[in-house]
PDB file of N, CA and C in Angstrom:
ATOM      1  N   MET A   1     -10.008   8.474  10.198  1.00  0.00           N
ATOM      2  CA  MET A   1     -10.215   9.471   9.077  1.00  0.00           C
ATOM      3  C   MET A   1      -9.280   9.301   8.199  1.00  0.00           C
ATOM      4  N   ILE A   2      -7.887   9.513   8.863  1.00  0.00           N
ATOM      5  CA  ILE A   2      -6.649   9.892   7.808  1.00  0.00           C
ATOM      6  C   ILE A   2      -6.826   8.847   6.634  1.00  0.00           C
ATOM      7  N   THR A   3      -7.001   7.348   7.115  1.00  0.00           N
ATOM      8  CA  THR A   3      -6.736   6.432   6.118  1.00  0.00           C
ATOM      9  C   THR A   3      -7.677   6.624   4.991  1.00  0.00           C
ATOM     10  N   GLN A   4      -8.725   7.182   5.137  1.00  0.00           N
ATOM     11  CA  GLN A   4      -9.737   7.723   3.766  1.00  0.00           C
ATOM     12  C   GLN A   4      -9.121   8.672   3.013  1.00  0.00           C
ATOM     13  N   PHE A   5      -8.380   9.578   3.419  1.00  0.00           N
ATOM     14  CA  PHE A   5      -7.567  10.661   2.682  1.00  0.00           C
ATOM     15  C   PHE A   5      -6.024  10.423   2.278  1.00  0.00           C
ATOM     16  N   MET A   6      -5.488   8.999   2.561  1.00  0.00           N
ATOM     17  CA  MET A   6      -4.328   8.670   2.047  1.00  0.00           C
ATOM     18  C   MET A   6      -4.100   8.611   0.317  1.00  0.00           C
ATOM     19  N   ASN A   7      -5.218   8.405  -0.081  1.00  0.00           N
ATOM     20  CA  ASN A   7      -4.982   8.769  -1.301  1.00  0.00           C
ATOM     21  C   ASN A   7      -4.808   9.828  -2.164  1.00  0.00           C
ATOM     22  N   LEU A   8      -5.351  10.918  -1.280  1.00  0.00           N
ATOM     23  CA  LEU A   8      -5.254  12.180  -1.756  1.00  0.00           C
ATOM     24  C   LEU A   8      -3.594  12.762  -1.394  1.00  0.00           C
ATOM     25  N   ILE A   9      -2.915  12.387  -0.453  1.00  0.00           N
ATOM     26  CA  ILE A   9      -1.666  12.783  -0.403  1.00  0.00           C
ATOM     27  C   ILE A   9      -0.277  11.840  -0.580  1.00  0.00           C
ATOM     28  N   GLN A  10      -0.840  10.440  -0.964  1.00  0.00           N
ATOM     29  CA  GLN A  10       0.136   9.554  -1.007  1.00  0.00           C
ATOM     30  C   GLN A  10       1.072   9.864  -2.388  1.00  0.00           C
ATOM     31  N   GLY A  11       1.980   9.987  -2.140  1.00  0.00           N
ATOM     32  CA  GLY A  11       3.041  10.145  -3.328  1.00  0.00           C
ATOM     33  C   GLY A  11       3.481  11.402  -3.434  1.00  0.00           C
ATOM     34  N   ARG A  12       2.962  12.657  -3.033  1.00  0.00           N
ATOM     35  CA  ARG A  12       3.247  13.887  -3.411  1.00  0.00           C
ATOM     36  C   ARG A  12       4.370  14.227  -2.932  1.00  0.00           C
ATOM     37  N   ARG A  13       5.246  14.820  -3.803  1.00  0.00           N
ATOM     38  CA  ARG A  13       6.669  15.349  -3.135  1.00  0.00           C
ATOM     39  C   ARG A  13       7.466  14.104  -3.287  1.00  0.00           C
ATOM     40  N   GLY A  14       7.144  13.010  -3.567  1.00  0.00           N
ATOM     41  CA  GLY A  14       8.213  11.754  -3.710  1.00  0.00           C
ATOM     42  C   GLY A  14       8.075  10.676  -2.314  1.00  0.00           C
ATOM     43  N   VAL A  15       7.117  11.403  -1.627  1.00  0.00           N
ATOM     44  CA  VAL A  15       7.105  10.695  -0.177  1.00  0.00           C
ATOM     45  C   VAL A  15       5.837   9.377  -0.206  1.00  0.00           C
ATOM     46  N   TYR A  16       6.144   8.173   0.325  1.00  0.00           N
ATOM     47  CA  TYR A  16       5.383   7.567   0.402  1.00  0.00           C
ATOM     48  C   TYR A  16       5.042   6.869   1.712  1.00  0.00           C
ATOM     49  N   TYR A  17       3.876   6.737   1.978  1.00  0.00           N
ATOM     50  CA  TYR A  17       3.576   6.285   3.399  1.00  0.00           C
ATOM     51  C   TYR A  17       3.048   4.887   3.814  1.00  0.00           C
ATOM     52  N   CYS A  18       3.588   4.021   4.682  1.00  0.00           N
ATOM     53  CA  CYS A  18       3.103   2.538   5.060  1.00  0.00           C
ATOM     54  C   CYS A  18       3.439   2.454   6.430  1.00  0.00           C
ATOM     55  N   SER A  19       2.421   1.649   7.042  1.00  0.00           N
ATOM     56  CA  SER A  19       2.038   1.204   8.468  1.00  0.00           C
ATOM     57  C   SER A  19       0.954   0.692   8.520  1.00  0.00           C
ATOM     58  N   ASN A  20       0.550   0.351   9.610  1.00  0.00           N
ATOM     59  CA  ASN A  20      -0.714  -0.472   9.944  1.00  0.00           C
ATOM     60  C   ASN A  20      -1.904   1.015   9.948  1.00  0.00           C
ATOM     61  N   TRP A  21      -1.637   2.449   9.796  1.00  0.00           N
ATOM     62  CA  TRP A  21      -2.623   3.421   9.925  1.00  0.00           C
ATOM     63  C   TRP A  21      -2.685   3.828   8.785  1.00  0.00           C
ATOM     64  N   VAL A  22      -2.153   3.288   7.709  1.00  0.00           N
ATOM     65  CA  VAL A  22      -2.798   3.797   6.278  1.00  0.00           C
ATOM     66  C   VAL A  22      -3.602   3.269   5.799  1.00  0.00           C
ATOM     67  N   ALA A  23      -4.061   1.741   6.260  1.00  0.00           N
ATOM     68  CA  ALA A  23      -5.219   0.982   5.763  1.00  0.00           C
ATOM     69  C   ALA A  23      -6.332   0.888   6.967  1.00  0.00           C
ATOM     70  N   PRO A  24      -7.500   0.709   6.202  1.00  0.00           N
ATOM     71  CA  PRO A  24      -8.591   0.681   7.277  1.00  0.00           C
ATOM     72  C   PRO A  24      -8.186  -0.711   8.196  1.00  0.00           C
ATOM     73  N   GLY A  25      -8.659  -0.538   9.175  1.00  0.00           N
ATOM     74  CA  GLY A  25      -8.962  -1.854   9.848  1.00  0.00           C
ATOM     75  C   GLY A  25      -7.563  -2.012  11.125  1.00  0.00           C
ATOM     76  N   ASN A  26      -6.500  -1.565  10.474  1.00  0.00           N
ATOM     77  CA  ASN A  26      -4.990  -1.406  11.234  1.00  0.00           C
ATOM     78  C   ASN A  26      -4.622  -2.676  11.348  1.00  0.00           C
ATOM     79  N   GLY A  27      -4.739  -3.581  10.541  1.00  0.00           N
ATOM     80  CA  GLY A  27      -4.572  -4.938  10.636  1.00  0.00           C
ATOM     81  C   GLY A  27      -2.813  -5.043  10.421  1.00  0.00           C
ATOM     82  N   HIS A  28      -2.414  -5.984  10.606  1.00  0.00           N
ATOM     83  CA  HIS A  28      -1.055  -6.212  10.231  1.00  0.00           C
ATOM     84  C   HIS A  28      -0.964  -6.932   9.106  1.00  0.00           C
ATOM     85  N   ASP A  29      -1.568  -7.714   8.479  1.00  0.00           N
ATOM     86  CA  ASP A  29      -1.631  -8.111   7.229  1.00  0.00           C
ATOM     87  C   ASP A  29      -1.773  -6.908   6.310  1.00  0.00           C
ATOM     88  N   LEU A  30      -2.674  -6.143   6.463  1.00  0.00           N
ATOM     89  CA  LEU A  30      -2.489  -4.897   5.503  1.00  0.00           C
ATOM     90  C   LEU A  30      -1.163  -3.798   5.821  1.00  0.00           C
ATOM     91  N   SER A  31      -0.663  -3.944   6.818  1.00  0.00           N
ATOM     92  CA  SER A  31       0.628  -3.027   7.045  1.00  0.00           C
ATOM     93  C   SER A  31       1.743  -3.531   6.183  1.00  0.00           C
ATOM     94  N   CYS A  32       1.797  -4.982   6.035  1.00  0.00           N
ATOM     95  CA  CYS A  32       2.424  -5.562   5.415  1.00  0.00           C
ATOM     96  C   CYS A  32       2.536  -5.494   3.847  1.00  0.00           C
ATOM     97  N   ILE A  33       1.355  -5.330   3.388  1.00  0.00           N
ATOM     98  CA  ILE A  33       0.504  -5.028   2.100  1.00  0.00           C
ATOM     99  C   ILE A  33       1.166  -3.739   1.288  1.00  0.00           C
ATOM    100  N   THR A  34       1.258  -2.782   2.711  1.00  0.00           N
ATOM    101  CA  THR A  34       1.208  -1.102   2.347  1.00  0.00           C
ATOM    102  C   THR A  34       2.844  -1.106   2.284  1.00  0.00           C
ATOM    103  N   GLY A  35       3.198  -1.998   2.695  1.00  0.00           N
ATOM    104  CA  GLY A  35       4.794  -2.091   2.948  1.00  0.00           C
ATOM    105  C   GLY A  35       5.346  -2.466   1.441  1.00  0.00           C
ATOM    106  N   LEU A  36       4.571  -3.620   1.392  1.00  0.00           N
ATOM    107  CA  LEU A  36       5.153  -4.050  -0.446  1.00  0.00           C
ATOM    108  C   LEU A  36       5.086  -2.881  -1.270  1.00  0.00           C
ATOM    109  N   VAL A  37       3.394  -2.198  -1.287  1.00  0.00           N
ATOM    110  CA  VAL A  37       3.406  -1.454  -2.051  1.00  0.00           C
ATOM    111  C   VAL A  37       4.322  -0.202  -2.191  1.00  0.00           C
ATOM    112  N   VAL A  38       4.762   0.467  -1.122  1.00  0.00           N
ATOM    113  CA  VAL A  38       5.865   1.168  -0.954  1.00  0.00           C
ATOM    114  C   VAL A  38       7.092   1.044  -1.702  1.00  0.00           C
ATOM    115  N   ALA A  39       7.399  -0.233  -1.350  1.00  0.00           N
ATOM    116  CA  ALA A  39       8.617  -1.294  -1.855  1.00  0.00           C
ATOM    117  C   ALA A  39       8.666  -0.869  -3.341  1.00  0.00           C
ATOM    118  N   HIS A  40       7.441  -1.578  -3.708  1.00  0.00           N
ATOM    119  CA  HIS A  40       7.287  -1.596  -5.539  1.00  0.00           C
ATOM    120  C   HIS A  40       7.377   0.126  -5.768  1.00  0.00           C
ATOM    121  N   ALA A  41       6.805   0.668  -5.242  1.00  0.00           N
ATOM    122  CA  ALA A  41       6.843   2.298  -5.682  1.00  0.00           C
ATOM    123  C   ALA A  41       8.323   2.845  -6.067  1.00  0.00           C
ATOM    124  N   ILE A  42       9.431   2.257  -5.382  1.00  0.00           N
ATOM    125  CA  ILE A  42      10.509   2.885  -5.269  1.00  0.00           C
ATOM    126  C   ILE A  42      11.385   1.647  -6.047  1.00  0.00           C
ATOM    127  N   GLY A  43      10.931   0.391  -6.460  1.00  0.00           N
ATOM    128  CA  GLY A  43      11.906   0.079  -7.427  1.00  0.00           C
ATOM    129  C   GLY A  43      11.659  -1.580  -7.062  1.00  0.00           C
ATOM    130  N   ALA A  44      11.295  -2.134  -6.064  1.00  0.00           N
ATOM    131  CA  ALA A  44      11.394  -3.464  -5.859  1.00  0.00           C
ATOM    132  C   ALA A  44      10.194  -4.209  -6.547  1.00  0.00           C
ATOM    133  N   LYS A  45      10.373  -5.559  -7.165  1.00  0.00           N
ATOM    134  CA  LYS A  45       9.577  -6.431  -7.344  1.00  0.00           C
ATOM    135  C   LYS A  45       8.541  -6.913  -6.639  1.00  0.00           C
ATOM    136  N   TYR A  46       7.372  -6.990  -7.069  1.00  0.00           N
ATOM    137  CA  TYR A  46       6.694  -8.087  -6.150  1.00  0.00           C
ATOM    138  C   TYR A  46       7.011  -9.239  -5.977  1.00  0.00           C
ATOM    139  N   PRO A  47       7.021  -9.562  -4.480  1.00  0.00           N
ATOM    140  CA  PRO A  47       7.719 -10.988  -4.384  1.00  0.00           C
ATOM    141  C   PRO A  47       7.190 -12.192  -4.022  1.00  0.00           C
ATOM    142  N   PHE A  48       5.778 -12.177  -4.480  1.00  0.00           N
ATOM    143  CA  PHE A  48       4.789 -13.574  -4.487  1.00  0.00           C
ATOM    144  C   PHE A  48       4.301 -13.675  -5.381  1.00  0.00           C
ATOM    145  N   ALA A  49       3.793 -15.118  -5.991  1.00  0.00           N
ATOM    146  CA  ALA A  49       3.641 -15.280  -7.137  1.00  0.00           C
ATOM    147  C   ALA A  49       1.834 -16.133  -7.191  1.00  0.00           C
ATOM    148  N   ASP A  50       1.288 -15.869  -5.890  1.00  0.00           N
ATOM    149  CA  ASP A  50      -0.159 -16.175  -5.651  1.00  0.00           C
ATOM    150  C   ASP A  50      -0.708 -15.199  -6.442  1.00  0.00           C
ATOM    151  N   ALA A  51      -1.886 -15.474  -6.944  1.00  0.00           N
ATOM    152  CA  ALA A  51      -2.551 -14.614  -7.910  1.00  0.00           C
ATOM    153  C   ALA A  51      -3.542 -13.767  -6.942  1.00  0.00           C
ATOM    154  N   GLU A  52      -3.995 -14.568  -5.940  1.00  0.00           N
ATOM    155  CA  GLU A  52      -5.016 -13.715  -4.857  1.00  0.00           C
ATOM    156  C   GLU A  52      -4.345 -12.975  -4.186  1.00  0.00           C
ATOM    157  N   ALA A  53      -3.039 -12.935  -3.655  1.00  0.00           N
ATOM    158  CA  ALA A  53      -2.344 -12.241  -3.202  1.00  0.00           C
ATOM    159  C   ALA A  53      -2.244 -11.230  -3.696  1.00  0.00           C
ATOM    160  N   TYR A  54      -1.871 -11.316  -5.158  1.00  0.00           N
ATOM    161  CA  TYR A  54      -1.551  -9.829  -5.997  1.00  0.00           C
ATOM    162  C   TYR A  54      -2.513  -9.472  -6.265  1.00  0.00           C
ATOM    163  N   ARG A  55      -3.864  -9.944  -6.406  1.00  0.00           N
ATOM    164  CA  ARG A  55      -5.021  -8.805  -6.324  1.00  0.00           C
ATOM    165  C   ARG A  55      -5.031  -8.222  -5.250  1.00  0.00           C
ATOM    166  N   ASP A  56      -5.040  -8.543  -3.828  1.00  0.00           N
ATOM    167  CA  ASP A  56      -4.909  -7.534  -3.053  1.00  0.00           C
ATOM    168  C   ASP A  56      -4.068  -6.451  -3.051  1.00  0.00           C
ATOM    169  N   PHE A  57      -2.739  -7.268  -3.629  1.00  0.00           N
ATOM    170  CA  PHE A  57      -1.410  -5.848  -3.681  1.00  0.00           C
ATOM    171  C   PHE A  57      -2.040  -5.011  -4.463  1.00  0.00           C
ATOM    172  N   LYS A  58      -2.660  -5.300  -5.627  1.00  0.00           N
ATOM    173  CA  LYS A  58      -2.963  -4.718  -6.611  1.00  0.00           C
ATOM    174  C   LYS A  58      -4.254  -3.487  -6.308  1.00  0.00           C
ATOM    175  N   ALA A  59      -5.106  -4.046  -5.409  1.00  0.00           N
ATOM    176  CA  ALA A  59      -6.301  -3.353  -4.630  1.00  0.00           C
ATOM    177  C   ALA A  59      -5.593  -1.975  -3.831  1.00  0.00           C
ATOM    178  N   ALA A  60      -4.641  -2.671  -2.848  1.00  0.00           N
ATOM    179  CA  ALA A  60      -3.592  -1.869  -2.225  1.00  0.00           C
ATOM    180  C   ALA A  60      -3.208  -0.612  -2.843  1.00  0.00           C
ATOM    181  N   ARG A  61      -2.601  -0.777  -3.810  1.00  0.00           N
ATOM    182  CA  ARG A  61      -1.705  -0.029  -4.750  1.00  0.00           C
ATOM    183  C   ARG A  61      -2.900   1.019  -5.261  1.00  0.00           C
ATOM    184  N   HIS A  62      -3.951   0.715  -5.466  1.00  0.00           N
ATOM    185  CA  HIS A  62      -5.303   1.577  -5.765  1.00  0.00           C
ATOM    186  C   HIS A  62      -5.651   2.536  -4.901  1.00  0.00           C
ATOM    187  N   PHE A  63      -5.845   1.897  -3.629  1.00  0.00           N
ATOM    188  CA  PHE A  63      -6.410   2.457  -2.510  1.00  0.00           C
ATOM    189  C   PHE A  63      -5.373   3.680  -2.163  1.00  0.00           C
ATOM    190  N   MET A  64      -4.091   3.178  -2.325  1.00  0.00           N
ATOM    191  CA  MET A  64      -3.175   4.212  -1.636  1.00  0.00           C
ATOM    192  C   MET A  64      -2.801   5.363  -2.383  1.00  0.00           C
ATOM    193  N   GLY A  65      -2.930   5.033  -4.045  1.00  0.00           N
ATOM    194  CA  GLY A  65      -2.737   6.119  -4.997  1.00  0.00           C
ATOM    195  C   GLY A  65      -1.618   6.050  -5.459  1.00  0.00           C
ATOM    196  N   VAL A  66      -0.674   4.690  -5.589  1.00  0.00           N
ATOM    197  CA  VAL A  66       0.456   4.412  -5.935  1.00  0.00           C
ATOM    198  C   VAL A  66       0.449   3.853  -7.087  1.00  0.00           C
TER     199      VAL A  66
END
């Protein structure tokens, strides 16, 4: 249930959450993407050039509210 409400608390007070529990399905690939989203939120550049991977990254940013 908490994964469905992450967009409501994500980023408040400057705090970002990432791990396998913040995305539905608790998959390792989603854990990686949420980590990339948080890294991007604090200033890191997205490290990959693949267009489909970037589309997933953008979807994760939207889901996480970042």
